[in-house]
Amino acid sequence: MTKYSLVGDVGGTNCRLALCALDSGEISQAQTFSGLDYDSLEAAVRHYLELQQHQEVKDACIAIACPIVGDWVAMTNHTWKFSIAEMKANLGLDHLEVINDFTAVSMAIPMLKEVDLLQFGGKKPQDGKPAVIYGAGTGLGVAHIIHVDNRWLSLPGEGGHVDFAPNSEEEDIILEQLRTEMGHVSAERILSGPGLVNLYRAIVKSDNREPEDYAPKDVTKLALEDNLDCRRALSLFCVIMGRFGGNLALTMGTFGGVYIAGGIVPRFLEFFKASGFRAAFEDKGRFKDYLVDIPVYLITHDQPGLLGSGAYLRQSMGITLVA
């Protein structure tokens, strides 16, 4: 009889929960809940487990969009706060892992199949070399992953909060405009849903005009309809996404590949394919040749966070993942 664990992927907007078969890593019974509908993560998990009437769940791994540095977890882009030990006890679990959301996405890499990836340039990934995963959603997540002694080791961090580094006159103007509004301008202030709006607003304001009150989906929609300001914003987004990915590849020599996750890029995939993304990724002056063979992949699997949470939990329980 298959034994199941609980896996979760909790972002600033939604909470995704599912069951993971411990023997195979297969994900099933996935459901998405709005974070606004529950006072706490524990309440959302409890509701989901009540729906799984015929499954006894004693092991869990929940990926969450914030730094995990101890027992107390406070989300960056949500009001939820909790003690890991307290939630484990309250839910009657034997084993509870709480990890960064991009730790989970990175742990999905060894579980992905060719059909789950779309390649943008470069050659094949090199076995045994580091890989990096980044992605724009409510925020900007970053994690690296390496394979050591038959184990996958994720190296989480807060790379989305490094300084935004402009590399053109247009980007200099964007930085100057955003700095007057918010002081420190991180990469996440641009490479995220809210960041796309920041780009649009900065473009319009730098032209001494008043921006519209758009949401991220409005900017994307209007860009695809040839609204000039929104199209400029989306084009810049793709270029800066490429440049940021190139920076990550340089930092750790990620010849194992660069992987893009997050919910934003798939919304304008054809636009992204035709954008300056790959050229910007390789645009590193003397080190262009260093990057030219490194492959970039867009993860097309619909739930990499859940898949990776399951992989992390299974490995923590002594199961060897595929290499």
Protein backbone atom coordinates (compact mmCIF):
# COMPACT_ATOMS: atom_id res chain seq x y z
CA MET A 1 0.00 0.00 0.00
CA THR A 2 1.38 3.38 -1.02
CA LYS A 3 2.28 5.71 1.81
CA TYR A 4 1.59 9.39 1.22
CA SER A 5 3.03 12.56 2.65
CA LEU A 6 1.76 16.13 2.55
CA VAL A 7 3.60 18.61 0.35
CA GLY A 8 2.97 22.33 0.05
CA ASP A 9 4.07 25.35 -1.96
CA VAL A 10 3.07 28.60 -0.27
CA GLY A 11 3.53 31.90 -2.08
CA GLY A 12 2.52 35.45 -1.36
CA THR A 13 -0.84 34.90 -3.05
CA ASN A 14 -1.76 31.21 -3.09
CA CYS A 15 -1.22 28.09 -1.01
CA ARG A 16 -0.86 24.88 -3.03
CA LEU A 17 -1.17 21.56 -1.20
CA ALA A 18 -0.97 17.98 -2.44
CA LEU A 19 -0.13 14.38 -1.57
CA CYS A 20 3.22 12.85 -2.51
CA ALA A 21 3.75 9.11 -2.89
CA LEU A 22 6.89 8.40 -0.85
CA ASP A 23 7.97 5.48 -3.04
CA SER A 24 7.82 7.26 -6.41
CA GLY A 25 7.54 10.99 -5.68
CA GLU A 26 4.34 11.19 -7.72
CA ILE A 27 2.14 14.18 -6.86
CA SER A 28 -1.64 13.80 -6.61
CA GLN A 29 -4.75 15.49 -5.19
CA ALA A 30 -3.24 18.97 -5.73
CA GLN A 31 -5.44 21.86 -4.67
CA THR A 32 -4.89 25.61 -4.59
CA PHE A 33 -6.23 27.82 -1.81
CA SER A 34 -6.23 31.59 -1.59
CA GLY A 35 -4.04 32.84 1.24
CA LEU A 36 -6.68 35.47 1.95
CA ASP A 37 -9.25 32.84 2.91
CA TYR A 38 -7.39 31.50 5.97
CA ASP A 39 -6.07 33.16 9.11
CA SER A 40 -3.01 30.90 9.18
CA LEU A 41 -1.13 28.32 7.17
CA GLU A 42 -2.05 25.72 9.76
CA ALA A 43 -5.75 26.40 9.13
CA ALA A 44 -5.30 25.90 5.39
CA VAL A 45 -3.33 22.67 5.90
CA ARG A 46 -5.88 21.36 8.40
CA HIS A 47 -8.71 22.03 5.93
CA TYR A 48 -6.85 20.21 3.14
CA LEU A 49 -6.07 17.19 5.33
CA GLU A 50 -9.72 16.97 6.36
CA LEU A 51 -10.58 16.63 2.66
CA GLN A 52 -8.22 13.62 2.37
CA GLN A 53 -10.49 11.45 4.48
CA HIS A 54 -8.98 8.10 3.54
CA GLN A 55 -5.31 9.00 3.87
CA GLU A 56 -3.32 9.05 7.09
CA VAL A 57 -0.54 11.62 6.69
CA LYS A 58 2.31 11.73 9.20
CA ASP A 59 5.10 13.33 7.15
CA ALA A 60 5.08 16.73 5.47
CA CYS A 61 7.26 19.23 3.65
CA ILE A 62 6.03 22.75 3.02
CA ALA A 63 7.90 25.21 0.83
CA ILE A 64 7.27 28.84 1.68
CA ALA A 65 8.18 32.17 0.11
CA CYS A 66 10.44 33.61 2.80
CA PRO A 67 13.79 32.98 4.48
CA ILE A 68 13.81 29.93 6.79
CA VAL A 69 16.37 30.57 9.52
CA GLY A 70 14.92 28.87 12.58
CA ASP A 71 11.72 27.67 14.19
CA TRP A 72 9.83 30.96 13.73
CA VAL A 73 8.66 31.66 10.19
CA ALA A 74 7.31 35.04 9.07
CA MET A 75 6.38 35.39 5.42
CA THR A 76 7.85 38.28 3.43
CA ASN A 77 4.82 38.97 1.20
CA HIS A 78 2.03 37.67 3.48
CA THR A 79 0.81 38.12 7.05
CA TRP A 80 1.16 34.44 8.03
CA LYS A 81 3.58 33.72 10.92
CA PHE A 82 4.07 30.47 12.81
CA SER A 83 6.32 28.16 14.84
CA ILE A 84 7.33 25.03 12.93
CA ALA A 85 7.43 22.90 16.09
CA GLU A 86 4.03 24.15 17.22
CA MET A 87 2.40 23.49 13.85
CA LYS A 88 3.94 20.01 13.72
CA ALA A 89 2.47 19.20 17.15
CA ASN A 90 -0.92 20.74 16.41
CA LEU A 91 -1.28 18.74 13.18
CA GLY A 92 -0.11 15.48 14.78
CA LEU A 93 2.79 15.03 12.35
CA ASP A 94 5.83 12.83 13.00
CA HIS A 95 8.01 14.72 10.53
CA LEU A 96 7.62 18.30 9.25
CA GLU A 97 10.12 20.07 7.02
CA VAL A 98 9.61 23.76 6.21
CA ILE A 99 11.88 25.01 3.43
CA ASN A 100 12.30 28.06 1.22
CA ASP A 101 10.12 27.97 -1.88
CA PHE A 102 13.09 28.09 -4.21
CA THR A 103 14.80 25.32 -2.29
CA ALA A 104 11.79 23.27 -3.35
CA VAL A 105 11.93 24.43 -6.95
CA SER A 106 15.64 23.59 -7.09
CA MET A 107 14.95 20.10 -5.70
CA ALA A 108 12.48 19.55 -8.55
CA ILE A 109 15.32 19.72 -11.10
CA PRO A 110 16.40 16.05 -10.80
CA MET A 111 12.74 15.00 -11.03
CA LEU A 112 11.92 16.92 -14.22
CA LYS A 113 11.58 15.21 -17.59
CA GLU A 114 12.44 16.63 -21.00
CA VAL A 115 8.77 17.41 -21.61
CA ASP A 116 8.81 19.68 -18.54
CA LEU A 117 11.45 22.03 -19.98
CA LEU A 118 11.74 24.55 -22.80
CA GLN A 119 15.32 25.47 -23.77
CA PHE A 120 16.57 28.96 -24.65
CA GLY A 121 20.03 28.69 -26.16
CA GLY A 122 23.20 27.03 -25.00
CA LYS A 123 24.11 23.36 -25.33
CA LYS A 124 23.57 20.44 -22.94
CA PRO A 125 24.00 20.73 -19.16
CA GLN A 126 27.21 19.22 -17.81
CA ASP A 127 26.88 16.39 -15.29
CA GLY A 128 28.13 17.19 -11.80
CA LYS A 129 28.16 20.96 -12.33
CA PRO A 130 26.07 23.44 -10.30
CA ALA A 131 22.71 24.66 -11.58
CA VAL A 132 20.75 27.75 -10.63
CA ILE A 133 17.01 28.35 -10.48
CA TYR A 134 15.35 31.75 -10.44
CA GLY A 135 11.89 33.00 -11.10
CA ALA A 136 9.59 35.96 -10.94
CA GLY A 137 6.20 35.82 -9.30
CA THR A 138 4.94 37.86 -6.37
CA GLY A 139 8.67 38.20 -5.59
CA LEU A 140 11.97 37.04 -7.13
CA GLY A 141 13.33 33.72 -5.91
CA VAL A 142 16.83 32.29 -6.38
CA ALA A 143 18.51 29.01 -5.39
CA HIS A 144 21.46 26.91 -6.55
CA ILE A 145 21.70 23.13 -6.53
CA ILE A 146 24.65 20.73 -6.67
CA HIS A 147 24.98 16.92 -6.67
CA VAL A 148 27.38 15.58 -4.02
CA ASP A 149 27.85 11.98 -2.81
CA ASN A 150 24.57 10.75 -4.34
CA ARG A 151 22.61 13.55 -2.70
CA TRP A 152 21.18 16.73 -4.12
CA LEU A 153 22.14 19.75 -2.05
CA SER A 154 20.12 22.94 -2.46
CA LEU A 155 21.82 26.23 -1.65
CA PRO A 156 19.02 28.68 -0.85
CA GLY A 157 19.49 32.38 -0.40
CA GLU A 158 17.88 35.74 -0.99
CA GLY A 159 19.48 36.52 -4.33
CA GLY A 160 16.37 38.37 -5.48
CA HIS A 161 17.25 41.20 -3.10
CA VAL A 162 20.67 42.04 -4.54
CA ASP A 163 21.07 45.52 -6.02
CA PHE A 164 19.56 46.16 -9.43
CA ALA A 165 22.50 46.78 -11.76
CA PRO A 166 21.57 48.87 -14.84
CA ASN A 167 23.62 48.40 -18.00
CA SER A 168 22.16 50.93 -20.45
CA GLU A 169 21.13 54.56 -20.51
CA GLU A 170 17.47 53.56 -20.42
CA GLU A 171 18.05 51.37 -17.35
CA ASP A 172 20.00 54.20 -15.68
CA ILE A 173 16.90 56.38 -16.03
CA ILE A 174 14.71 53.61 -14.59
CA LEU A 175 17.02 53.20 -11.59
CA GLU A 176 17.11 56.94 -10.94
CA GLN A 177 13.31 57.16 -11.04
CA LEU A 178 12.75 54.17 -8.74
CA ARG A 179 15.48 55.25 -6.30
CA THR A 180 13.62 58.52 -5.66
CA GLU A 181 10.54 56.48 -4.70
CA MET A 182 11.96 53.62 -2.65
CA GLY A 183 15.62 54.22 -1.86
CA HIS A 184 17.25 50.82 -2.30
CA VAL A 185 16.26 49.24 -5.60
CA SER A 186 16.70 45.47 -5.58
CA ALA A 187 16.37 43.13 -8.54
CA GLU A 188 13.00 42.02 -7.11
CA ARG A 189 11.71 45.59 -7.46
CA ILE A 190 11.85 44.96 -11.21
CA LEU A 191 11.78 41.20 -11.78
CA SER A 192 8.41 40.37 -10.21
CA GLY A 193 4.75 41.09 -10.79
CA PRO A 194 4.89 44.36 -8.83
CA GLY A 195 8.27 44.99 -10.50
CA LEU A 196 6.71 44.93 -13.95
CA VAL A 197 4.36 47.67 -12.78
CA ASN A 198 7.35 49.58 -11.34
CA LEU A 199 9.02 49.41 -14.74
CA TYR A 200 5.92 50.75 -16.49
CA ARG A 201 5.50 53.56 -13.97
CA ALA A 202 9.16 54.57 -14.15
CA ILE A 203 9.05 54.69 -17.96
CA VAL A 204 5.99 56.94 -17.95
CA LYS A 205 7.17 59.18 -15.10
CA SER A 206 10.60 59.67 -16.66
CA ASP A 207 8.72 61.15 -19.64
CA ASN A 208 6.94 63.60 -17.29
CA ARG A 209 3.60 61.87 -17.74
CA GLU A 210 1.23 60.38 -15.19
CA PRO A 211 1.02 56.55 -15.20
CA GLU A 212 -2.24 54.62 -15.12
CA ASP A 213 -3.10 52.51 -12.09
CA TYR A 214 -2.32 49.16 -13.72
CA ALA A 215 -1.95 45.71 -12.18
CA PRO A 216 0.78 43.37 -13.51
CA LYS A 217 -1.72 41.49 -15.68
CA ASP A 218 -2.82 44.79 -17.23
CA VAL A 219 0.74 45.69 -18.22
CA THR A 220 1.24 42.27 -19.82
CA LYS A 221 -2.10 42.33 -21.64
CA LEU A 222 -1.59 45.85 -22.99
CA ALA A 223 1.99 45.08 -24.02
CA LEU A 224 0.72 42.22 -26.17
CA GLU A 225 -1.83 44.64 -27.64
CA ASP A 226 1.00 47.01 -28.65
CA ASN A 227 0.52 49.68 -26.00
CA LEU A 228 3.89 51.44 -26.37
CA ASP A 229 4.64 52.12 -22.68
CA CYS A 230 3.65 48.62 -21.59
CA ARG A 231 5.54 47.01 -24.45
CA ARG A 232 8.68 48.93 -23.46
CA ALA A 233 8.22 47.75 -19.88
CA LEU A 234 7.79 44.12 -20.89
CA SER A 235 10.75 44.25 -23.29
CA LEU A 236 12.93 45.70 -20.54
CA PHE A 237 11.67 43.03 -18.14
CA CYS A 238 12.86 40.29 -20.50
CA VAL A 239 16.25 41.90 -21.05
CA ILE A 240 16.85 42.47 -17.33
CA MET A 241 15.70 38.90 -16.66
CA GLY A 242 18.38 37.71 -19.07
CA ARG A 243 21.09 39.90 -17.57
CA PHE A 244 20.22 38.77 -14.04
CA GLY A 245 20.34 35.12 -15.11
CA GLY A 246 23.76 35.70 -16.63
CA ASN A 247 24.96 37.20 -13.36
CA LEU A 248 23.80 34.10 -11.49
CA ALA A 249 25.53 31.82 -13.99
CA LEU A 250 28.80 33.72 -13.59
CA THR A 251 28.64 33.63 -9.79
CA MET A 252 28.80 29.83 -9.48
CA GLY A 253 29.72 28.60 -12.94
CA THR A 254 26.34 26.97 -13.46
CA PHE A 255 27.25 24.66 -16.34
CA GLY A 256 24.55 22.34 -15.00
CA GLY A 257 22.03 24.80 -16.41
CA VAL A 258 20.01 27.87 -15.58
CA TYR A 259 16.32 27.24 -14.88
CA ILE A 260 13.51 29.79 -14.91
CA ALA A 261 10.47 29.16 -12.72
CA GLY A 262 7.66 31.39 -11.50
CA GLY A 263 4.27 32.27 -12.88
CA ILE A 264 5.03 35.39 -14.92
CA VAL A 265 7.05 34.37 -18.00
CA PRO A 266 4.57 31.70 -19.23
CA ARG A 267 1.94 34.43 -19.55
CA PHE A 268 3.81 36.00 -22.47
CA LEU A 269 5.84 33.07 -23.76
CA GLU A 270 5.86 34.01 -27.45
CA PHE A 271 6.89 37.57 -26.59
CA PHE A 272 9.64 36.19 -24.37
CA LYS A 273 10.95 33.91 -27.12
CA ALA A 274 11.32 36.88 -29.46
CA SER A 275 12.78 39.21 -26.82
CA GLY A 276 16.37 40.18 -26.06
CA PHE A 277 16.52 37.71 -23.16
CA ARG A 278 19.24 35.35 -24.44
CA ALA A 279 21.37 38.13 -25.90
CA ALA A 280 21.26 39.92 -22.53
CA PHE A 281 22.10 36.66 -20.73
CA GLU A 282 25.33 36.37 -22.75
CA ASP A 283 26.14 40.10 -22.75
CA LYS A 284 29.05 39.96 -20.31
CA GLY A 285 31.83 41.59 -22.30
CA ARG A 286 35.02 39.56 -21.97
CA PHE A 287 33.07 36.65 -20.45
CA LYS A 288 30.51 36.17 -23.21
CA ASP A 289 32.30 33.02 -24.37
CA TYR A 290 32.07 31.66 -20.81
CA LEU A 291 28.26 31.84 -20.95
CA VAL A 292 27.50 30.98 -24.56
CA ASP A 293 27.23 27.19 -23.99
CA ILE A 294 25.29 27.35 -20.72
CA PRO A 295 21.69 26.24 -21.38
CA VAL A 296 18.72 28.17 -20.03
CA TYR A 297 15.45 26.33 -19.47
CA LEU A 298 11.95 27.52 -18.72
CA ILE A 299 10.27 25.02 -16.37
CA THR A 300 6.89 24.16 -17.89
CA HIS A 301 5.87 21.61 -15.23
CA ASP A 302 2.73 23.02 -13.61
CA GLN A 303 3.75 22.34 -9.99
CA PRO A 304 7.56 22.31 -9.58
CA GLY A 305 7.31 23.54 -5.98
CA LEU A 306 5.19 20.55 -4.98
CA LEU A 307 7.38 18.14 -6.94
CA GLY A 308 10.50 19.56 -5.27
CA SER A 309 8.97 19.54 -1.80
CA GLY A 310 8.30 15.86 -2.25
CA ALA A 311 11.85 15.25 -3.47
CA TYR A 312 13.30 17.15 -0.50
CA LEU A 313 11.18 15.19 1.98
CA ARG A 314 11.96 11.82 0.39
CA GLN A 315 15.70 12.53 0.41
CA SER A 316 15.53 13.67 4.06
CA MET A 317 13.95 10.30 4.84
CA GLY A 318 16.85 8.40 3.28
CA ILE A 319 15.51 7.82 -0.22
CA THR A 320 18.06 8.25 -3.04
CA LEU A 321 16.78 10.51 -5.83
CA VAL A 322 17.67 9.97 -9.46
CA ALA A 323 20.84 11.77 -10.62
